Amino acid sequence: MNRTLFLLAAGMLLTGCVNTSKVTVNASQLEHHRFVLESVNGQAIPAGKNPPELSFGEKMHLSGSMCNRFTGQGKLSEGELKVKNLAMTRMMCADAQRNELDNTLSTMLSKGAQVDLTGDQLTLATAEQTLVYRLSDLMG
């Protein structure tokens, strides 16, 4: 009985030591960087002349392209990125996957996507979609 109480008390003590705070990405880690899309839901995106990209400017201003170009003001809060009014051109692209990616990204950003930055890999994720980008800053 004493051993059981000891193990229970030790387990509770160790549980109290677990760090449950969420590690979040902050704006300064993203601003002034360009990321190129590498995969969608685990499927590689072929490298091409004009790869899908996402860039972060001052005060979380986003811009980039999938099939169409887009721009908007992002807000980063507790690891979630949202863009309320994403402006996007509306051209039809020959690549059906790129057309679909426009819709995917637009939906993710309007509803909010969890953001993770590990090394030079940026991940945007929702329950339905995961986009993985690689840091690809332009030389200036």
N, C-alpha and C. Protein backbone atom coordinates (compact mmCIF):
# COMPACT_ATOMS: atom_id res chain seq x y z
N MET A 1 0.83 -1.19 0.00
CA MET A 1 0.00 0.00 0.00
C MET A 1 0.87 1.25 0.00
N ASN A 2 1.91 1.28 0.84
CA ASN A 2 2.79 2.44 0.89
C ASN A 2 3.50 2.65 -0.44
N ARG A 3 3.87 1.52 -1.08
CA ARG A 3 4.56 1.61 -2.37
C ARG A 3 3.62 2.23 -3.42
N THR A 4 2.36 1.85 -3.41
CA THR A 4 1.38 2.37 -4.35
C THR A 4 1.20 3.87 -4.14
N LEU A 5 1.08 4.30 -2.89
CA LEU A 5 0.95 5.72 -2.59
C LEU A 5 2.19 6.49 -3.04
N PHE A 6 3.35 5.90 -2.81
CA PHE A 6 4.60 6.54 -3.21
C PHE A 6 4.64 6.72 -4.74
N LEU A 7 4.30 5.66 -5.49
CA LEU A 7 4.32 5.73 -6.94
C LEU A 7 3.30 6.75 -7.47
N LEU A 8 2.13 6.76 -6.84
CA LEU A 8 1.10 7.71 -7.23
C LEU A 8 1.58 9.15 -6.99
N ALA A 9 2.16 9.39 -5.83
CA ALA A 9 2.66 10.72 -5.49
C ALA A 9 3.80 11.12 -6.42
N ALA A 10 4.69 10.20 -6.72
CA ALA A 10 5.81 10.49 -7.62
C ALA A 10 5.30 10.81 -9.02
N GLY A 11 4.31 10.07 -9.48
CA GLY A 11 3.73 10.32 -10.80
C GLY A 11 3.08 11.68 -10.87
N MET A 12 2.37 12.05 -9.82
CA MET A 12 1.73 13.37 -9.79
C MET A 12 2.77 14.48 -9.78
N LEU A 13 3.85 14.27 -9.06
CA LEU A 13 4.92 15.26 -8.99
C LEU A 13 5.56 15.44 -10.36
N LEU A 14 5.84 14.34 -11.03
CA LEU A 14 6.46 14.42 -12.35
C LEU A 14 5.51 15.06 -13.37
N THR A 15 4.24 14.78 -13.26
CA THR A 15 3.26 15.38 -14.16
C THR A 15 3.26 16.88 -14.00
N GLY A 16 3.42 17.35 -12.81
CA GLY A 16 3.46 18.78 -12.54
C GLY A 16 4.68 19.45 -13.14
N CYS A 17 5.73 18.67 -13.45
CA CYS A 17 6.95 19.23 -14.00
C CYS A 17 6.95 19.29 -15.52
N VAL A 18 5.97 18.70 -16.15
CA VAL A 18 5.91 18.70 -17.60
C VAL A 18 5.59 20.11 -18.08
N ASN A 19 6.34 20.57 -19.06
CA ASN A 19 6.13 21.90 -19.62
C ASN A 19 5.02 21.82 -20.66
N THR A 20 3.86 22.34 -20.34
CA THR A 20 2.74 22.28 -21.26
C THR A 20 2.57 23.57 -22.05
N SER A 21 3.48 24.53 -21.86
CA SER A 21 3.35 25.78 -22.60
C SER A 21 3.64 25.54 -24.08
N LYS A 22 2.84 26.18 -24.90
CA LYS A 22 2.96 26.01 -26.34
C LYS A 22 4.10 26.87 -26.85
N VAL A 23 4.98 26.29 -27.63
CA VAL A 23 6.05 27.06 -28.26
C VAL A 23 5.44 27.68 -29.51
N THR A 24 5.44 28.98 -29.56
CA THR A 24 4.82 29.64 -30.70
C THR A 24 5.85 30.39 -31.53
N VAL A 25 5.53 30.52 -32.79
CA VAL A 25 6.34 31.29 -33.72
C VAL A 25 5.96 32.75 -33.53
N ASN A 26 6.94 33.62 -33.53
CA ASN A 26 6.59 35.04 -33.44
C ASN A 26 6.86 35.72 -34.77
N ALA A 27 6.26 36.87 -34.94
CA ALA A 27 6.32 37.59 -36.21
C ALA A 27 7.74 37.86 -36.67
N SER A 28 8.63 38.19 -35.75
CA SER A 28 10.00 38.53 -36.14
C SER A 28 10.74 37.34 -36.76
N GLN A 29 10.30 36.13 -36.48
CA GLN A 29 10.92 34.95 -37.08
C GLN A 29 10.48 34.75 -38.53
N LEU A 30 9.35 35.35 -38.90
CA LEU A 30 8.81 35.18 -40.25
C LEU A 30 9.04 36.39 -41.15
N GLU A 31 8.97 37.59 -40.55
CA GLU A 31 9.07 38.81 -41.33
C GLU A 31 10.39 38.88 -42.09
N HIS A 32 10.29 39.37 -43.34
CA HIS A 32 11.44 39.54 -44.24
C HIS A 32 12.00 38.21 -44.73
N HIS A 33 11.15 37.20 -44.79
CA HIS A 33 11.58 35.90 -45.31
C HIS A 33 10.63 35.41 -46.38
N ARG A 34 11.18 34.65 -47.30
CA ARG A 34 10.44 34.03 -48.41
C ARG A 34 10.54 32.52 -48.25
N PHE A 35 9.42 31.84 -48.43
CA PHE A 35 9.36 30.39 -48.31
C PHE A 35 8.77 29.81 -49.59
N VAL A 36 9.34 28.70 -50.06
CA VAL A 36 8.86 28.03 -51.27
C VAL A 36 8.18 26.73 -50.86
N LEU A 37 7.01 26.47 -51.44
CA LEU A 37 6.22 25.29 -51.11
C LEU A 37 6.93 24.02 -51.56
N GLU A 38 7.09 23.07 -50.61
CA GLU A 38 7.73 21.79 -50.91
C GLU A 38 6.75 20.64 -51.00
N SER A 39 5.73 20.65 -50.12
CA SER A 39 4.78 19.53 -50.14
C SER A 39 3.41 19.96 -49.62
N VAL A 40 2.40 19.21 -50.09
CA VAL A 40 1.02 19.39 -49.65
C VAL A 40 0.53 18.03 -49.19
N ASN A 41 0.17 17.94 -47.91
CA ASN A 41 -0.31 16.68 -47.32
C ASN A 41 0.64 15.52 -47.61
N GLY A 42 1.94 15.80 -47.52
CA GLY A 42 2.95 14.77 -47.70
C GLY A 42 3.34 14.49 -49.14
N GLN A 43 2.66 15.10 -50.11
CA GLN A 43 2.97 14.91 -51.53
C GLN A 43 3.88 16.04 -52.00
N ALA A 44 5.05 15.66 -52.55
CA ALA A 44 6.02 16.65 -53.01
C ALA A 44 5.46 17.50 -54.14
N ILE A 45 5.83 18.76 -54.14
CA ILE A 45 5.47 19.69 -55.21
C ILE A 45 6.69 19.78 -56.12
N PRO A 46 6.52 19.47 -57.40
CA PRO A 46 7.67 19.52 -58.31
C PRO A 46 8.26 20.92 -58.39
N ALA A 47 9.59 20.99 -58.33
CA ALA A 47 10.27 22.28 -58.45
C ALA A 47 10.10 22.76 -59.89
N GLY A 48 9.89 24.03 -60.04
CA GLY A 48 9.68 24.58 -61.37
C GLY A 48 10.26 25.97 -61.48
N LYS A 49 10.00 26.59 -62.60
CA LYS A 49 10.51 27.93 -62.87
C LYS A 49 9.91 28.95 -61.90
N ASN A 50 8.61 28.85 -61.64
CA ASN A 50 7.93 29.77 -60.72
C ASN A 50 7.26 28.96 -59.61
N PRO A 51 8.03 28.58 -58.59
CA PRO A 51 7.45 27.74 -57.53
C PRO A 51 6.43 28.50 -56.68
N PRO A 52 5.44 27.78 -56.14
CA PRO A 52 4.51 28.42 -55.20
C PRO A 52 5.31 28.96 -54.02
N GLU A 53 5.00 30.18 -53.62
CA GLU A 53 5.78 30.81 -52.56
C GLU A 53 4.92 31.64 -51.63
N LEU A 54 5.50 31.95 -50.48
CA LEU A 54 4.86 32.77 -49.46
C LEU A 54 5.94 33.65 -48.85
N SER A 55 5.70 34.96 -48.83
CA SER A 55 6.66 35.90 -48.26
C SER A 55 5.99 36.72 -47.16
N PHE A 56 6.77 37.02 -46.14
CA PHE A 56 6.29 37.83 -45.02
C PHE A 56 7.05 39.15 -45.00
N GLY A 57 6.29 40.26 -44.99
CA GLY A 57 6.89 41.58 -44.93
C GLY A 57 6.69 42.21 -43.57
N GLU A 58 6.84 43.52 -43.53
CA GLU A 58 6.66 44.27 -42.29
C GLU A 58 5.28 44.04 -41.70
N LYS A 59 5.21 43.97 -40.40
CA LYS A 59 3.95 43.86 -39.66
C LYS A 59 3.06 42.73 -40.17
N MET A 60 3.69 41.61 -40.55
CA MET A 60 3.00 40.39 -40.98
C MET A 60 2.19 40.58 -42.27
N HIS A 61 2.66 41.44 -43.17
CA HIS A 61 2.04 41.55 -44.48
C HIS A 61 2.50 40.36 -45.31
N LEU A 62 1.54 39.57 -45.81
CA LEU A 62 1.84 38.38 -46.60
C LEU A 62 1.66 38.66 -48.07
N SER A 63 2.47 38.00 -48.88
CA SER A 63 2.28 38.03 -50.32
C SER A 63 2.87 36.76 -50.89
N GLY A 64 2.50 36.44 -52.10
CA GLY A 64 3.05 35.26 -52.73
C GLY A 64 2.23 34.80 -53.89
N SER A 65 2.44 33.53 -54.25
CA SER A 65 1.70 32.97 -55.38
C SER A 65 1.57 31.46 -55.24
N MET A 66 0.50 30.98 -55.78
CA MET A 66 0.29 29.54 -56.01
C MET A 66 0.12 29.48 -57.52
N CYS A 67 -1.12 29.51 -57.98
CA CYS A 67 -1.42 29.75 -59.39
C CYS A 67 -1.50 31.27 -59.56
N ASN A 68 -2.29 31.89 -58.70
CA ASN A 68 -2.49 33.34 -58.70
C ASN A 68 -1.63 34.01 -57.65
N ARG A 69 -1.43 35.30 -57.80
CA ARG A 69 -0.73 36.10 -56.81
C ARG A 69 -1.73 36.48 -55.72
N PHE A 70 -1.22 36.61 -54.49
CA PHE A 70 -2.09 37.01 -53.38
C PHE A 70 -1.35 37.93 -52.44
N THR A 71 -2.12 38.67 -51.66
CA THR A 71 -1.55 39.58 -50.68
C THR A 71 -2.59 39.80 -49.58
N GLY A 72 -2.12 40.11 -48.38
CA GLY A 72 -3.03 40.38 -47.29
C GLY A 72 -2.30 40.67 -46.00
N GLN A 73 -3.03 41.14 -45.04
CA GLN A 73 -2.47 41.46 -43.73
C GLN A 73 -2.71 40.29 -42.79
N GLY A 74 -1.65 39.67 -42.35
CA GLY A 74 -1.76 38.53 -41.45
C GLY A 74 -1.74 38.93 -39.99
N LYS A 75 -2.28 38.06 -39.18
CA LYS A 75 -2.23 38.23 -37.74
C LYS A 75 -1.79 36.90 -37.14
N LEU A 76 -0.76 36.95 -36.32
CA LEU A 76 -0.21 35.76 -35.69
C LEU A 76 -0.53 35.81 -34.20
N SER A 77 -1.26 34.81 -33.72
CA SER A 77 -1.67 34.77 -32.32
C SER A 77 -1.63 33.34 -31.80
N GLU A 78 -0.82 33.11 -30.79
CA GLU A 78 -0.69 31.80 -30.15
C GLU A 78 -0.45 30.69 -31.17
N GLY A 79 0.44 30.96 -32.12
CA GLY A 79 0.81 29.95 -33.09
C GLY A 79 -0.16 29.77 -34.23
N GLU A 80 -1.16 30.66 -34.34
CA GLU A 80 -2.13 30.57 -35.42
C GLU A 80 -2.02 31.80 -36.32
N LEU A 81 -1.95 31.56 -37.63
CA LEU A 81 -1.88 32.63 -38.61
C LEU A 81 -3.23 32.77 -39.30
N LYS A 82 -3.75 34.00 -39.30
CA LYS A 82 -5.01 34.30 -39.99
C LYS A 82 -4.81 35.52 -40.87
N VAL A 83 -5.50 35.51 -42.01
CA VAL A 83 -5.53 36.65 -42.90
C VAL A 83 -6.99 36.88 -43.23
N LYS A 84 -7.55 37.98 -42.69
CA LYS A 84 -8.99 38.22 -42.85
C LYS A 84 -9.38 38.53 -44.28
N ASN A 85 -8.68 39.43 -44.93
CA ASN A 85 -9.06 39.86 -46.28
C ASN A 85 -7.91 39.59 -47.25
N LEU A 86 -7.81 38.35 -47.69
CA LEU A 86 -6.77 37.96 -48.63
C LEU A 86 -7.21 38.36 -50.04
N ALA A 87 -6.43 39.23 -50.67
CA ALA A 87 -6.71 39.64 -52.05
C ALA A 87 -5.95 38.71 -52.98
N MET A 88 -6.64 38.24 -54.03
CA MET A 88 -6.01 37.29 -54.94
C MET A 88 -6.48 37.54 -56.36
N THR A 89 -5.54 37.46 -57.29
CA THR A 89 -5.93 37.53 -58.70
C THR A 89 -6.75 36.28 -59.00
N ARG A 90 -7.52 36.29 -60.06
CA ARG A 90 -8.41 35.15 -60.37
C ARG A 90 -8.23 34.67 -61.81
N MET A 91 -7.02 34.24 -62.12
CA MET A 91 -6.76 33.67 -63.44
C MET A 91 -6.88 32.16 -63.35
N MET A 92 -7.25 31.55 -64.46
CA MET A 92 -7.29 30.09 -64.52
C MET A 92 -5.91 29.63 -64.98
N CYS A 93 -5.33 28.70 -64.26
CA CYS A 93 -4.01 28.20 -64.62
C CYS A 93 -4.14 26.85 -65.33
N ALA A 94 -3.18 26.58 -66.17
CA ALA A 94 -3.16 25.30 -66.90
C ALA A 94 -2.95 24.13 -65.95
N ASP A 95 -2.26 24.39 -64.82
CA ASP A 95 -1.97 23.35 -63.84
C ASP A 95 -3.13 23.26 -62.83
N ALA A 96 -3.90 22.17 -62.91
CA ALA A 96 -5.06 21.99 -62.03
C ALA A 96 -4.66 21.98 -60.56
N GLN A 97 -3.49 21.42 -60.24
CA GLN A 97 -3.03 21.37 -58.85
C GLN A 97 -2.83 22.78 -58.31
N ARG A 98 -2.26 23.66 -59.13
CA ARG A 98 -2.05 25.04 -58.69
C ARG A 98 -3.38 25.75 -58.47
N ASN A 99 -4.35 25.50 -59.33
CA ASN A 99 -5.68 26.09 -59.12
C ASN A 99 -6.25 25.66 -57.78
N GLU A 100 -6.14 24.39 -57.47
CA GLU A 100 -6.65 23.86 -56.20
C GLU A 100 -5.88 24.44 -55.01
N LEU A 101 -4.57 24.63 -55.18
CA LEU A 101 -3.76 25.20 -54.10
C LEU A 101 -4.18 26.63 -53.76
N ASP A 102 -4.62 27.39 -54.75
CA ASP A 102 -5.15 28.73 -54.47
C ASP A 102 -6.30 28.63 -53.46
N ASN A 103 -7.24 27.74 -53.74
CA ASN A 103 -8.39 27.57 -52.84
C ASN A 103 -7.96 27.06 -51.48
N THR A 104 -7.04 26.11 -51.47
CA THR A 104 -6.56 25.52 -50.21
C THR A 104 -5.94 26.59 -49.32
N LEU A 105 -5.01 27.36 -49.89
CA LEU A 105 -4.32 28.38 -49.10
C LEU A 105 -5.29 29.46 -48.63
N SER A 106 -6.16 29.90 -49.51
CA SER A 106 -7.13 30.93 -49.16
C SER A 106 -8.00 30.49 -47.99
N THR A 107 -8.49 29.26 -48.04
CA THR A 107 -9.33 28.72 -46.96
C THR A 107 -8.54 28.60 -45.67
N MET A 108 -7.32 28.07 -45.77
CA MET A 108 -6.50 27.91 -44.57
C MET A 108 -6.25 29.24 -43.87
N LEU A 109 -5.87 30.25 -44.64
CA LEU A 109 -5.53 31.54 -44.04
C LEU A 109 -6.75 32.28 -43.52
N SER A 110 -7.89 32.14 -44.17
CA SER A 110 -9.08 32.85 -43.67
C SER A 110 -9.60 32.21 -42.39
N LYS A 111 -9.52 30.88 -42.27
CA LYS A 111 -10.00 30.20 -41.07
C LYS A 111 -8.95 30.15 -39.97
N GLY A 112 -7.69 30.22 -40.35
CA GLY A 112 -6.59 30.15 -39.39
C GLY A 112 -5.84 28.85 -39.51
N ALA A 113 -4.53 28.94 -39.61
CA ALA A 113 -3.67 27.77 -39.72
C ALA A 113 -2.62 27.80 -38.63
N GLN A 114 -2.33 26.64 -38.06
CA GLN A 114 -1.27 26.54 -37.07
C GLN A 114 0.06 26.68 -37.80
N VAL A 115 0.99 27.42 -37.22
CA VAL A 115 2.28 27.69 -37.84
C VAL A 115 3.38 27.08 -37.00
N ASP A 116 4.29 26.38 -37.68
CA ASP A 116 5.47 25.83 -37.02
C ASP A 116 6.68 26.18 -37.87
N LEU A 117 7.71 26.68 -37.23
CA LEU A 117 8.97 26.98 -37.91
C LEU A 117 10.06 26.20 -37.21
N THR A 118 10.59 25.21 -37.91
CA THR A 118 11.66 24.38 -37.37
C THR A 118 12.83 24.46 -38.33
N GLY A 119 13.91 25.09 -37.89
CA GLY A 119 15.03 25.31 -38.79
C GLY A 119 14.59 26.17 -39.94
N ASP A 120 14.75 25.67 -41.17
CA ASP A 120 14.32 26.44 -42.34
C ASP A 120 13.03 25.89 -42.95
N GLN A 121 12.29 25.12 -42.15
CA GLN A 121 11.03 24.54 -42.63
C GLN A 121 9.84 25.19 -41.94
N LEU A 122 8.94 25.75 -42.75
CA LEU A 122 7.72 26.38 -42.27
C LEU A 122 6.55 25.46 -42.59
N THR A 123 5.73 25.17 -41.59
CA THR A 123 4.56 24.32 -41.80
C THR A 123 3.31 25.10 -41.43
N LEU A 124 2.34 25.10 -42.35
CA LEU A 124 1.01 25.65 -42.09
C LEU A 124 0.07 24.46 -42.06
N ALA A 125 -0.71 24.31 -40.99
CA ALA A 125 -1.55 23.12 -40.87
C ALA A 125 -2.92 23.44 -40.30
N THR A 126 -3.91 22.73 -40.84
CA THR A 126 -5.26 22.70 -40.29
C THR A 126 -5.60 21.22 -40.11
N ALA A 127 -6.79 20.95 -39.66
CA ALA A 127 -7.20 19.55 -39.51
C ALA A 127 -7.25 18.85 -40.87
N GLU A 128 -7.47 19.61 -41.94
CA GLU A 128 -7.64 19.02 -43.28
C GLU A 128 -6.38 19.07 -44.14
N GLN A 129 -5.54 20.08 -43.96
CA GLN A 129 -4.42 20.31 -44.88
C GLN A 129 -3.12 20.59 -44.14
N THR A 130 -2.01 20.21 -44.77
CA THR A 130 -0.69 20.55 -44.26
C THR A 130 0.18 21.00 -45.43
N LEU A 131 0.65 22.23 -45.36
CA LEU A 131 1.55 22.78 -46.37
C LEU A 131 2.92 22.95 -45.74
N VAL A 132 3.95 22.41 -46.39
CA VAL A 132 5.31 22.52 -45.88
C VAL A 132 6.13 23.35 -46.86
N TYR A 133 6.71 24.40 -46.33
CA TYR A 133 7.54 25.32 -47.11
C TYR A 133 8.99 25.22 -46.65
N ARG A 134 9.92 25.62 -47.52
CA ARG A 134 11.34 25.68 -47.20
C ARG A 134 11.79 27.13 -47.35
N LEU A 135 12.58 27.62 -46.40
CA LEU A 135 13.12 28.98 -46.46
C LEU A 135 13.91 29.12 -47.76
N SER A 136 13.64 30.19 -48.49
CA SER A 136 14.31 30.41 -49.77
C SER A 136 14.43 31.90 -50.01
N ASP A 137 15.10 32.58 -49.10
CA ASP A 137 15.24 34.03 -49.22
C ASP A 137 15.97 34.39 -50.49
N LEU A 138 15.50 35.46 -51.11
CA LEU A 138 16.15 35.95 -52.32
C LEU A 138 17.42 36.69 -51.95
N MET A 139 18.41 36.57 -52.78
CA MET A 139 19.64 37.35 -52.57
C MET A 139 19.38 38.76 -53.09
N GLY A 140 19.74 39.75 -52.29
CA GLY A 140 19.43 41.10 -52.70
C GLY A 140 20.60 41.95 -52.94
